[in-house]
Amino acid sequence: MLFPAVGGYDVSRTWKISQPEKGYAAMDDISSLQMLIKCKHPCIAIITLEELYAKSVVIDTAIQLTSNLLLWTVNDGLKNGLISGEQPIEGTQNPAAALYYLSAREDRFITLALDLVEHLNEKHILRATRDLINKFTITGSTLVLIDHSDRLPQAIQNYTSYFTLSLPDEEELEQIVRTTLRSFHQDNPLEINVTRSGLRNIVRNLRGLTRRQAQQIIFDTISEDHRFDNSDINRVLAQKRQLLQTGGMLEYVETPAELNEIGGMRRLKSWLAKRQNATSEKALEFGLTPPRGVLILGIQGAGKSLCAKAIATAWQRPLLRLDTSSLYDRYIGESERRLRMSLKQAEMMAPIVMWIDEIEKAFASAASRSSDGGLSQRMFGTLLTWMQEHQEPVFLVATANDIEALPPELLRKGRFDEIFFVDLPTEEVRRDIFKIHLKKRKQNPDDFDLDRLARTADGFSGSEIEEAVISALHEAFSRKVPLTNDLIQESVQNSPPLSVTMREAVENLRCWSKGRCVPAD
């Protein structure tokens, strides 16, 4: 034993994720890939950043099927993919030469090609690839393409089956943690003082990451102080947040907001409070199903986005915003794949709150005939299916300003647990909002006539009241005088609210919501 057991487990008793090329792949991935190959799919594409793990899946699949495996890279050309050390086949570094060599074979085998996709923009290589796929359709052989992005030409896509690698579950993540600790301890001193519950908490918060990402986070965490204990959960969360914020479709959102920071919305707050513990074991034993989500409609600036943050804080869950703008891609099939991967990642990270801001803009073309070839409709259909069928505790908060731009399918009963309408605040609520924002800016609300300010701000939204307070503070600071009622009132009167500048749109939204939505307040 290299060092003491972690949470009752000997960390030295585990497989090594650091050597995936030797065939340490999840059995689910191997079984799924086997099925595709047995069904004689001539071309299979694996789009992933985990190249080593993807290779291990293909290698283990070939071993399970007792199939010959050829591996192609532009540096080595073709070589035996199962036996290391064998010399590459001479002259096959050139993609065209390798493809012609493969086409000449009559036996049944698997070819694994790394980064071949970028060469397919050359016409003769594209033609050779199409000919090879046609040949494999007859012989039953399979071409497996591994690439970091989906750039397949349409001519190849028509004959290609996409294979998505699984994300590690908690059992596999725990193995990765123990393996990483063992590997680090071979060359460095390492003090381990983690409880079983602490280890479980760290593992749970690695969900949604790839194997390589999880391994890297643990390695970086213990490299700082050569210690591994319960407090490392904070470092894990910080690194995970940083990782997801660099190029991912799911973005961590800081959630300092509390429900008491939101004025009004009494019905919405009560609804959330009743369902806060609905995912607990006791709730499930009682027969409850976890809440699935809410759609919050309302006027711009009424506090819908703040609600999403406050829900995550109140329920003590991470808040992830789905960046819908980053989903769309010019390559056919890539946008749908990105959405599916984002939803799958959200499920792996559950329990979480997932926020789609201004959902009507994200899928605007789905509500009408569009010129995007049906992409928006397909994307929207993928989301609707997931909303209906997902089982993990992912609570979806969708916000919208323009009801007319929403596809009617989204509003059907069963999509969301409830649809709330956030109207302009009443005088009583405006008073509370002034109090909240004055407190946030180091002002004593008792020094102000809140009733007078609330009457003056009739028709203002919460964000417009906040901006009025900020504007008045700037004015007071520039004049070198204390903030007063008059300065705030002047700021309010100098800024016409949205309810005036867009009166018709506001009234239409109010009329539509009657009888269709639950008032948030």
Protein backbone atom coordinates (compact mmCIF):
# COMPACT_ATOMS: atom_id res chain seq x y z
CA MET A 1 0.00 0.00 0.00
CA LEU A 2 1.51 3.31 -1.04
CA PHE A 3 -0.40 5.45 1.45
CA PRO A 4 -3.43 5.18 3.74
CA ALA A 5 -6.86 4.37 2.44
CA VAL A 6 -9.07 7.23 1.25
CA GLY A 7 -12.48 7.18 2.88
CA GLY A 8 -12.12 3.47 3.58
CA TYR A 9 -10.70 2.66 0.13
CA ASP A 10 -7.15 1.77 -0.73
CA VAL A 11 -6.22 4.29 -3.41
CA SER A 12 -3.60 1.94 -4.81
CA ARG A 13 -6.28 -0.57 -5.87
CA THR A 14 -7.57 1.00 -9.06
CA TRP A 15 -7.03 1.16 -12.81
CA LYS A 16 -4.93 3.97 -14.29
CA ILE A 17 -6.72 6.68 -16.27
CA SER A 18 -3.25 8.10 -17.02
CA GLN A 19 -2.73 5.21 -19.46
CA PRO A 20 -5.97 5.04 -21.44
CA GLU A 21 -4.23 3.75 -24.54
CA LYS A 22 -3.91 0.35 -22.83
CA GLY A 23 -7.65 -0.15 -22.94
CA TYR A 24 -9.36 1.19 -19.84
CA ALA A 25 -12.71 2.27 -21.20
CA ALA A 26 -16.20 2.34 -19.74
CA MET A 27 -18.07 -0.85 -20.62
CA ASP A 28 -21.16 1.10 -21.71
CA ASP A 29 -19.12 2.90 -24.37
CA ILE A 30 -17.53 -0.35 -25.56
CA SER A 31 -20.90 -2.12 -25.78
CA SER A 32 -22.50 0.77 -27.67
CA LEU A 33 -19.65 1.00 -30.18
CA GLN A 34 -19.69 -2.77 -30.63
CA MET A 35 -23.36 -2.57 -31.56
CA LEU A 36 -22.68 0.02 -34.28
CA ILE A 37 -19.85 -2.05 -35.74
CA LYS A 38 -21.84 -5.29 -35.60
CA CYS A 39 -24.64 -3.51 -37.49
CA LYS A 40 -22.06 -2.85 -40.23
CA HIS A 41 -22.02 0.94 -40.11
CA PRO A 42 -19.27 1.78 -42.64
CA CYS A 43 -18.24 5.10 -41.05
CA ILE A 44 -18.45 6.18 -37.39
CA ALA A 45 -17.45 9.66 -36.19
CA ILE A 46 -16.42 10.40 -32.60
CA ILE A 47 -16.27 14.15 -31.95
CA THR A 48 -14.39 14.67 -28.70
CA LEU A 49 -11.54 16.46 -26.94
CA GLU A 50 -10.72 13.20 -25.11
CA GLU A 51 -8.71 11.61 -27.89
CA LEU A 52 -6.83 9.16 -25.67
CA TYR A 53 -9.99 7.89 -24.04
CA ALA A 54 -11.75 7.62 -27.41
CA LYS A 55 -8.80 5.58 -28.71
CA SER A 56 -9.06 3.26 -25.71
CA VAL A 57 -12.76 2.68 -26.44
CA VAL A 58 -12.01 1.74 -30.06
CA ILE A 59 -9.08 -0.48 -29.06
CA ASP A 60 -11.08 -2.33 -26.41
CA THR A 61 -13.97 -2.71 -28.84
CA ALA A 62 -11.67 -4.27 -31.44
CA ILE A 63 -10.30 -6.66 -28.80
CA GLN A 64 -13.82 -7.65 -27.72
CA LEU A 65 -14.81 -8.27 -31.34
CA THR A 66 -11.48 -10.07 -32.07
CA SER A 67 -11.11 -7.76 -35.05
CA ASN A 68 -7.97 -6.47 -36.72
CA LEU A 69 -7.40 -2.76 -36.07
CA LEU A 70 -5.37 -0.36 -38.19
CA LEU A 71 -4.47 3.07 -36.79
CA TRP A 72 -3.75 6.02 -39.10
CA THR A 73 -2.06 9.32 -38.23
CA VAL A 74 -0.45 11.79 -40.59
CA ASN A 75 2.88 11.35 -38.76
CA ASP A 76 3.10 7.53 -38.83
CA GLY A 77 0.70 6.47 -41.53
CA LEU A 78 -1.05 3.11 -41.08
CA LYS A 79 0.11 0.69 -38.40
CA ASN A 80 -1.20 -2.11 -36.22
CA GLY A 81 -3.51 -0.54 -33.63
CA LEU A 82 -3.36 -3.45 -31.19
CA ILE A 83 0.35 -4.26 -31.04
CA SER A 84 2.71 -1.43 -30.11
CA GLY A 85 6.16 -1.24 -31.62
CA GLU A 86 5.32 -2.58 -35.06
CA GLN A 87 6.62 -0.58 -38.00
CA PRO A 88 4.09 1.54 -39.95
CA ILE A 89 3.19 0.56 -43.49
CA GLU A 90 5.60 2.46 -45.70
CA GLY A 91 4.22 5.35 -47.77
CA THR A 92 0.87 5.60 -46.00
CA GLN A 93 1.47 8.92 -44.21
CA ASN A 94 -0.22 10.53 -47.19
CA PRO A 95 -3.99 10.32 -46.59
CA ALA A 96 -4.77 9.39 -50.19
CA ALA A 97 -2.17 6.59 -50.20
CA ALA A 98 -3.56 5.22 -46.93
CA LEU A 99 -7.11 5.27 -48.27
CA TYR A 100 -6.09 3.49 -51.49
CA TYR A 101 -4.27 0.83 -49.43
CA LEU A 102 -7.37 0.25 -47.28
CA SER A 103 -9.62 0.03 -50.35
CA ALA A 104 -7.45 -2.72 -51.80
CA ARG A 105 -8.03 -5.04 -48.82
CA GLU A 106 -10.83 -7.60 -49.04
CA ASP A 107 -10.95 -8.78 -45.42
CA ARG A 108 -13.10 -7.31 -42.65
CA PHE A 109 -11.33 -4.98 -40.20
CA ILE A 110 -11.57 -1.68 -38.30
CA THR A 111 -9.61 1.44 -39.23
CA LEU A 112 -9.14 4.23 -36.70
CA ALA A 113 -8.15 7.56 -38.32
CA LEU A 114 -7.09 10.56 -36.24
CA ASP A 115 -7.63 14.06 -37.68
CA LEU A 116 -8.43 12.80 -41.17
CA VAL A 117 -11.35 15.22 -41.37
CA GLU A 118 -9.18 18.28 -41.99
CA HIS A 119 -7.81 16.64 -45.15
CA LEU A 120 -11.26 16.09 -46.65
CA ASN A 121 -11.34 19.59 -48.16
CA GLU A 122 -9.04 18.20 -50.87
CA LYS A 123 -11.20 16.79 -53.64
CA HIS A 124 -9.13 13.67 -54.38
CA ILE A 125 -9.01 12.71 -50.67
CA LEU A 126 -12.74 13.29 -50.31
CA ARG A 127 -13.34 11.08 -53.35
CA ALA A 128 -11.04 8.37 -51.98
CA THR A 129 -12.84 8.46 -48.62
CA ARG A 130 -16.25 8.12 -50.28
CA ASP A 131 -14.96 5.18 -52.33
CA LEU A 132 -13.59 3.54 -49.17
CA ILE A 133 -16.90 3.95 -47.33
CA ASN A 134 -18.73 2.44 -50.32
CA LYS A 135 -16.30 -0.49 -50.26
CA PHE A 136 -16.75 -0.95 -46.50
CA THR A 137 -20.54 -1.04 -47.00
CA ILE A 138 -19.97 -4.22 -49.01
CA THR A 139 -17.16 -5.84 -46.97
CA GLY A 140 -18.52 -4.97 -43.51
CA SER A 141 -15.38 -3.11 -42.44
CA THR A 142 -15.60 0.10 -40.43
CA LEU A 143 -13.83 3.47 -40.61
CA VAL A 144 -13.78 5.27 -37.24
CA LEU A 145 -12.95 8.98 -37.37
CA ILE A 146 -11.83 10.79 -34.21
CA ASP A 147 -11.73 14.58 -34.41
CA HIS A 148 -12.10 17.54 -32.04
CA SER A 149 -14.86 19.25 -34.05
CA ASP A 150 -17.56 18.22 -36.48
CA ARG A 151 -16.37 19.39 -39.89
CA LEU A 152 -17.43 16.45 -42.02
CA PRO A 153 -18.50 17.31 -45.58
CA GLN A 154 -22.15 16.58 -46.30
CA ALA A 155 -21.16 13.83 -48.73
CA ILE A 156 -19.51 11.93 -45.87
CA GLN A 157 -22.13 12.80 -43.24
CA ASN A 158 -24.81 11.00 -45.25
CA TYR A 159 -22.99 7.70 -44.59
CA THR A 160 -21.73 8.46 -41.08
CA SER A 161 -23.09 7.44 -37.68
CA TYR A 162 -22.11 9.74 -34.81
CA PHE A 163 -20.99 8.11 -31.58
CA THR A 164 -21.08 10.14 -28.36
CA LEU A 165 -18.78 9.12 -25.53
CA SER A 166 -20.34 8.87 -22.10
CA LEU A 167 -19.36 11.14 -19.24
CA PRO A 168 -18.06 9.33 -16.14
CA ASP A 169 -20.53 8.49 -13.38
CA GLU A 170 -19.73 8.90 -9.68
CA GLU A 171 -18.25 5.42 -9.34
CA GLU A 172 -15.83 6.02 -12.18
CA LEU A 173 -15.02 9.53 -10.93
CA GLU A 174 -14.07 8.10 -7.55
CA GLN A 175 -11.73 5.69 -9.29
CA ILE A 176 -10.19 8.62 -11.16
CA VAL A 177 -9.67 10.54 -7.90
CA ARG A 178 -7.98 7.58 -6.21
CA THR A 179 -5.85 6.85 -9.26
CA THR A 180 -4.70 10.48 -9.51
CA LEU A 181 -3.77 10.52 -5.81
CA ARG A 182 -1.80 7.30 -6.22
CA SER A 183 0.02 8.57 -9.31
CA PHE A 184 0.90 11.89 -7.64
CA HIS A 185 2.15 10.14 -4.48
CA GLN A 186 4.62 8.05 -6.46
CA ASP A 187 6.78 11.13 -7.03
CA ASN A 188 5.65 13.59 -4.34
CA PRO A 189 4.82 13.67 -0.62
CA LEU A 190 1.07 13.72 -0.09
CA GLU A 191 -0.97 14.05 3.11
CA ILE A 192 -4.49 12.62 2.86
CA ASN A 193 -7.09 13.50 5.47
CA VAL A 194 -10.49 13.22 3.85
CA THR A 195 -13.64 11.70 5.29
CA ARG A 196 -15.91 9.39 3.36
CA SER A 197 -18.59 12.10 3.15
CA GLY A 198 -15.95 14.65 2.09
CA LEU A 199 -14.74 12.37 -0.70
CA ARG A 200 -18.32 11.78 -1.81
CA ASN A 201 -18.93 15.55 -1.92
CA ILE A 202 -15.82 16.15 -4.04
CA VAL A 203 -16.74 13.33 -6.42
CA ARG A 204 -20.30 14.59 -6.76
CA ASN A 205 -19.03 18.01 -7.79
CA LEU A 206 -16.84 16.50 -10.51
CA ARG A 207 -19.95 15.30 -12.33
CA GLY A 208 -20.42 16.68 -15.81
CA LEU A 209 -16.69 16.76 -16.55
CA THR A 210 -14.75 14.51 -18.88
CA ARG A 211 -12.30 12.00 -17.45
CA ARG A 212 -9.32 14.12 -18.40
CA GLN A 213 -10.85 17.28 -16.91
CA ALA A 214 -11.63 15.53 -13.62
CA GLN A 215 -8.12 14.11 -13.42
CA GLN A 216 -6.56 17.51 -14.14
CA ILE A 217 -8.66 19.29 -11.50
CA ILE A 218 -7.65 16.80 -8.78
CA PHE A 219 -4.00 16.98 -9.83
CA ASP A 220 -4.01 20.80 -9.75
CA THR A 221 -5.79 20.77 -6.38
CA ILE A 222 -3.23 18.59 -4.61
CA SER A 223 -0.25 20.19 -6.36
CA GLU A 224 -0.80 23.46 -4.48
CA ASP A 225 -0.11 22.18 -0.95
CA HIS A 226 0.47 18.42 -1.29
CA ARG A 227 -2.66 17.81 0.79
CA PHE A 228 -6.04 16.28 0.09
CA ASP A 229 -8.81 16.94 2.61
CA ASN A 230 -12.45 18.01 2.90
CA SER A 231 -11.62 21.69 2.34
CA ASP A 232 -10.42 20.91 -1.19
CA ILE A 233 -14.05 21.01 -2.31
CA ASN A 234 -13.68 24.80 -2.60
CA ARG A 235 -10.70 24.45 -4.96
CA VAL A 236 -12.50 21.82 -7.01
CA LEU A 237 -15.53 24.07 -7.43
CA ALA A 238 -13.38 27.09 -8.34
CA GLN A 239 -11.44 25.14 -10.98
CA LYS A 240 -14.59 23.55 -12.35
CA ARG A 241 -16.19 26.98 -12.68
CA GLN A 242 -13.12 28.30 -14.51
CA LEU A 243 -13.08 25.27 -16.78
CA LEU A 244 -16.72 25.62 -17.78
CA GLN A 245 -16.31 29.33 -18.45
CA THR A 246 -13.68 28.74 -21.13
CA GLY A 247 -15.42 27.69 -24.29
CA GLY A 248 -18.31 25.67 -22.91
CA MET A 249 -22.00 26.10 -23.64
CA LEU A 250 -22.86 25.91 -19.92
CA GLU A 251 -21.66 28.91 -17.97
CA TYR A 252 -21.40 29.09 -14.19
CA VAL A 253 -23.23 32.10 -12.80
CA GLU A 254 -22.40 33.64 -9.44
CA THR A 255 -25.54 33.66 -7.30
CA PRO A 256 -25.21 36.13 -4.43
CA ALA A 257 -28.88 37.06 -4.79
CA GLU A 258 -31.31 36.08 -2.04
CA LEU A 259 -35.06 35.79 -2.44
CA ASN A 260 -35.49 38.62 0.08
CA GLU A 261 -33.53 40.86 -2.31
CA ILE A 262 -36.44 40.66 -4.74
CA GLY A 263 -39.38 42.91 -4.05
CA GLY A 264 -42.84 41.35 -4.34
CA MET A 265 -43.37 38.06 -6.21
CA ARG A 266 -45.06 36.54 -3.17
CA ARG A 267 -46.77 33.69 -5.07
CA LEU A 268 -43.56 32.71 -6.84
CA LYS A 269 -41.58 32.76 -3.57
CA SER A 270 -44.22 30.64 -1.84
CA TRP A 271 -44.24 28.15 -4.74
CA LEU A 272 -40.44 27.83 -4.56
CA ALA A 273 -40.38 27.48 -0.77
CA LYS A 274 -42.86 24.58 -0.90
CA ARG A 275 -40.73 22.73 -3.44
CA GLN A 276 -37.29 23.43 -1.99
CA ASN A 277 -36.91 19.92 -0.52
CA ALA A 278 -38.88 18.09 -3.20
CA THR A 279 -35.77 16.21 -4.36
CA SER A 280 -34.96 14.77 -0.92
CA GLU A 281 -35.23 11.05 -0.21
CA LYS A 282 -38.21 11.66 2.08
CA ALA A 283 -40.02 13.52 -0.71
CA LEU A 284 -39.41 10.67 -3.16
CA GLU A 285 -40.63 8.14 -0.59
CA PHE A 286 -43.74 10.29 -0.15
CA GLY A 287 -44.44 9.90 -3.86
CA LEU A 288 -43.34 13.32 -5.08
CA THR A 289 -41.56 13.81 -8.37
CA PRO A 290 -38.81 16.46 -8.50
CA PRO A 291 -39.96 19.84 -9.89
CA ARG A 292 -38.91 20.26 -13.52
CA GLY A 293 -38.93 24.00 -14.02
CA VAL A 294 -40.74 27.29 -14.42
CA LEU A 295 -41.24 29.73 -17.28
CA ILE A 296 -41.14 33.33 -16.08
CA LEU A 297 -42.76 35.79 -18.46
CA GLY A 298 -42.77 39.49 -17.88
CA ILE A 299 -41.84 43.01 -18.74
CA GLN A 300 -38.18 43.82 -19.25
CA GLY A 301 -36.43 44.75 -16.03
CA ALA A 302 -39.10 43.23 -13.79
CA GLY A 303 -36.61 40.90 -12.07
CA LYS A 304 -36.91 37.67 -14.05
CA SER A 305 -33.17 37.08 -14.32
CA LEU A 306 -32.70 37.92 -10.66
CA CYS A 307 -35.29 35.24 -9.88
CA ALA A 308 -33.15 32.57 -11.56
CA LYS A 309 -30.18 33.53 -9.39
CA ALA A 310 -32.28 33.69 -6.24
CA ILE A 311 -33.78 30.23 -6.87
CA ALA A 312 -30.30 28.70 -7.08
CA THR A 313 -29.27 30.45 -3.86
CA ALA A 314 -32.45 29.48 -1.99
CA TRP A 315 -32.18 25.84 -3.06
CA GLN A 316 -28.38 25.77 -2.57
CA ARG A 317 -27.73 24.52 -6.07
CA PRO A 318 -25.23 25.66 -8.71
CA LEU A 319 -26.69 27.93 -11.39
CA LEU A 320 -25.63 27.24 -14.97
CA ARG A 321 -26.73 29.43 -17.85
CA LEU A 322 -27.13 27.76 -21.21
CA ASP A 323 -25.35 30.04 -23.69
CA THR A 324 -27.68 29.51 -26.62
CA SER A 325 -25.70 31.82 -28.92
CA SER A 326 -22.73 29.43 -28.78
CA LEU A 327 -24.86 26.44 -29.76
CA TYR A 328 -25.34 27.45 -33.39
CA ASP A 329 -22.66 26.35 -35.83
CA ARG A 330 -22.35 26.54 -39.60
CA TYR A 331 -21.56 22.83 -39.93
CA ILE A 332 -24.61 20.64 -40.47
CA GLY A 333 -25.47 18.56 -37.41
CA GLU A 334 -23.01 20.33 -35.10
CA SER A 335 -25.61 22.66 -33.52
CA GLU A 336 -27.92 19.79 -32.57
CA ARG A 337 -24.95 17.82 -31.22
CA ARG A 338 -23.85 20.75 -29.07
CA LEU A 339 -27.32 21.11 -27.59
CA ARG A 340 -27.55 17.39 -26.83
CA MET A 341 -24.12 17.45 -25.19
CA SER A 342 -25.03 20.51 -23.11
CA LEU A 343 -28.23 18.88 -21.86
CA LYS A 344 -26.37 15.66 -21.14
CA GLN A 345 -23.72 17.57 -19.23
CA ALA A 346 -26.41 19.38 -17.23
CA GLU A 347 -27.89 16.01 -16.24
CA MET A 348 -24.49 14.73 -15.16
CA MET A 349 -24.00 17.79 -12.95
CA ALA A 350 -27.42 17.50 -11.28
CA PRO A 351 -28.81 18.65 -8.95
CA ILE A 352 -28.53 22.08 -10.55
CA VAL A 353 -30.61 25.02 -11.72
CA MET A 354 -30.25 25.59 -15.48
CA TRP A 355 -31.18 29.02 -16.78
CA ILE A 356 -32.14 29.91 -20.35
CA ASP A 357 -32.42 33.69 -20.56
CA GLU A 358 -34.77 35.20 -23.16
CA ILE A 359 -35.67 31.79 -24.52
CA GLU A 360 -37.80 33.37 -27.26
CA LYS A 361 -34.64 34.77 -28.89
CA ALA A 362 -32.77 31.49 -28.63
CA PHE A 363 -35.40 29.62 -30.65
CA ALA A 364 -37.12 32.51 -32.40
CA SER A 365 -37.25 30.86 -35.82
CA ALA A 366 -38.97 27.79 -34.39
CA ALA A 367 -42.22 29.75 -34.10
CA SER A 368 -42.40 30.56 -37.80
CA ARG A 369 -41.15 29.48 -41.18
CA SER A 370 -37.49 30.30 -41.25
CA SER A 371 -34.69 30.31 -43.76
CA ASP A 372 -32.33 28.21 -41.64
CA GLY A 373 -33.30 24.90 -43.21
CA GLY A 374 -35.35 23.83 -40.22
CA LEU A 375 -32.42 24.04 -37.80
CA SER A 376 -34.31 26.09 -35.19
CA GLN A 377 -37.24 23.67 -35.29
CA ARG A 378 -34.93 20.69 -34.81
CA MET A 379 -33.08 22.39 -31.96
CA PHE A 380 -36.35 23.35 -30.33
CA GLY A 381 -37.68 19.82 -30.74
CA THR A 382 -34.58 18.44 -29.04
CA LEU A 383 -35.13 20.77 -26.08
CA LEU A 384 -38.83 19.90 -25.79
CA THR A 385 -38.11 16.17 -25.84
CA TRP A 386 -35.49 16.59 -23.12
CA MET A 387 -37.84 18.70 -20.99
CA GLN A 388 -40.46 15.96 -21.18
CA GLU A 389 -38.22 12.94 -20.63
CA HIS A 390 -35.20 13.84 -18.48
CA GLN A 391 -35.08 12.15 -15.07
CA GLU A 392 -32.19 13.90 -13.34
CA PRO A 393 -32.93 16.79 -10.91
CA VAL A 394 -32.23 19.62 -13.35
CA PHE A 395 -34.57 22.52 -12.57
CA LEU A 396 -35.04 24.65 -15.68
CA VAL A 397 -35.70 28.37 -15.31
CA ALA A 398 -36.61 29.97 -18.64
CA THR A 399 -37.29 33.69 -18.90
CA ALA A 400 -39.06 35.50 -21.74
CA ASN A 401 -40.11 39.05 -22.62
CA ASP A 402 -42.00 38.57 -25.90
CA ILE A 403 -44.77 36.00 -25.71
CA GLU A 404 -45.60 36.30 -29.42
CA ALA A 405 -42.15 35.01 -30.34
CA LEU A 406 -42.56 31.85 -28.26
CA PRO A 407 -43.50 28.64 -30.09
CA PRO A 408 -46.90 27.48 -28.76
CA GLU A 409 -45.52 23.99 -28.02
CA LEU A 410 -43.43 25.47 -25.21
CA LEU A 411 -46.53 26.63 -23.35
CA ARG A 412 -48.29 23.27 -23.37
CA LYS A 413 -49.12 21.81 -19.95
CA GLY A 414 -46.41 19.47 -18.75
CA ARG A 415 -43.48 21.36 -20.25
CA PHE A 416 -43.08 23.48 -17.14
CA ASP A 417 -44.49 22.95 -13.67
CA GLU A 418 -45.84 26.49 -13.78
CA ILE A 419 -45.84 29.62 -15.92
CA PHE A 420 -45.52 32.82 -13.91
CA PHE A 421 -46.16 36.36 -15.10
CA VAL A 422 -44.11 39.16 -13.56
CA ASP A 423 -46.00 42.43 -13.85
CA LEU A 424 -44.84 45.94 -13.02
CA PRO A 425 -44.53 46.31 -9.25
CA THR A 426 -47.38 47.74 -7.20
CA GLU A 427 -46.87 50.79 -4.99
CA GLU A 428 -46.21 48.58 -1.97
CA VAL A 429 -43.65 46.53 -3.89
CA ARG A 430 -41.99 49.65 -5.32
CA ARG A 431 -41.55 50.83 -1.74
CA ASP A 432 -39.77 47.55 -0.90
CA ILE A 433 -37.59 47.82 -4.01
CA PHE A 434 -36.45 51.34 -3.09
CA LYS A 435 -35.62 50.04 0.38
CA ILE A 436 -33.59 47.15 -1.01
CA HIS A 437 -31.51 49.30 -3.38
CA LEU A 438 -30.90 52.06 -0.86
CA LYS A 439 -29.61 49.48 1.61
CA LYS A 440 -27.34 47.92 -1.04
CA ARG A 441 -25.75 51.34 -1.59
CA LYS A 442 -24.99 52.13 2.03
CA GLN A 443 -27.99 54.40 2.54
CA ASN A 444 -30.35 54.23 5.51
CA PRO A 445 -33.90 53.70 4.12
CA ASP A 446 -35.34 55.34 7.26
CA ASP A 447 -33.86 58.66 6.08
CA PHE A 448 -36.10 58.65 2.99
CA ASP A 449 -39.80 59.08 2.33
CA LEU A 450 -40.32 55.68 0.71
CA ASP A 451 -44.07 56.21 0.24
CA ARG A 452 -43.45 59.40 -1.73
CA LEU A 453 -40.76 57.75 -3.87
CA ALA A 454 -43.01 54.75 -4.56
CA ARG A 455 -45.83 57.03 -5.77
CA THR A 456 -43.43 59.01 -7.97
CA ALA A 457 -42.12 55.82 -9.62
CA ASP A 458 -45.54 54.61 -10.79
CA GLY A 459 -45.07 52.43 -13.89
CA PHE A 460 -41.36 51.76 -13.18
CA SER A 461 -39.90 48.27 -13.18
CA GLY A 462 -37.48 47.03 -10.55
CA SER A 463 -34.41 47.63 -12.70
CA GLU A 464 -35.65 51.11 -13.63
CA ILE A 465 -36.01 51.96 -9.93
CA GLU A 466 -32.48 50.68 -9.34
CA GLU A 467 -31.13 52.85 -12.17
CA ALA A 468 -32.96 55.88 -10.74
CA VAL A 469 -31.27 55.35 -7.35
CA ILE A 470 -27.86 54.93 -9.00
CA SER A 471 -28.35 58.04 -11.15
CA ALA A 472 -29.35 60.07 -8.08
CA LEU A 473 -26.26 58.83 -6.23
CA HIS A 474 -24.04 60.00 -9.08
CA GLU A 475 -25.72 63.40 -8.96
CA ALA A 476 -25.26 63.65 -5.19
CA PHE A 477 -21.63 62.61 -5.40
CA SER A 478 -20.85 65.14 -8.14
CA ARG A 479 -22.51 67.93 -6.12
CA LYS A 480 -20.78 66.74 -2.92
CA VAL A 481 -24.11 66.55 -1.06
CA PRO A 482 -25.97 63.70 0.67
CA LEU A 483 -28.54 61.69 -1.27
CA THR A 484 -32.04 63.11 -0.76
CA ASN A 485 -35.65 62.39 -1.68
CA ASP A 486 -35.60 65.29 -4.12
CA LEU A 487 -32.57 63.97 -6.00
CA ILE A 488 -34.15 60.52 -6.37
CA GLN A 489 -37.49 62.03 -7.43
CA GLU A 490 -35.73 64.22 -9.98
CA SER A 491 -33.94 61.16 -11.36
CA VAL A 492 -37.25 59.28 -11.65
CA GLN A 493 -39.00 62.15 -13.42
CA ASN A 494 -36.16 62.58 -15.93
CA SER A 495 -36.33 58.96 -17.08
CA PRO A 496 -39.57 57.79 -18.75
CA PRO A 497 -40.19 54.09 -17.99
CA LEU A 498 -40.69 51.29 -20.49
CA SER A 499 -44.38 51.20 -19.57
CA VAL A 500 -44.66 54.63 -21.24
CA THR A 501 -42.29 54.23 -24.18
CA MET A 502 -43.70 50.78 -25.07
CA ARG A 503 -47.20 51.10 -23.63
CA GLU A 504 -48.93 48.98 -26.29
CA ALA A 505 -46.50 46.07 -25.94
CA VAL A 506 -46.81 46.10 -22.16
CA GLU A 507 -50.61 46.14 -22.29
CA ASN A 508 -50.69 43.32 -24.85
CA LEU A 509 -48.47 41.19 -22.61
CA ARG A 510 -50.68 41.88 -19.61
CA CYS A 511 -53.83 40.98 -21.53
CA TRP A 512 -52.31 37.75 -22.82
CA SER A 513 -51.21 36.64 -19.34
CA LYS A 514 -54.70 36.88 -17.82
CA GLY A 515 -56.06 33.37 -17.42
CA ARG A 516 -52.92 31.83 -18.92
CA CYS A 517 -50.29 32.53 -16.26
CA VAL A 518 -50.05 32.60 -12.50
CA PRO A 519 -49.32 36.13 -11.24
CA ALA A 520 -45.90 36.12 -9.57
CA ASP A 521 -47.15 38.56 -6.92
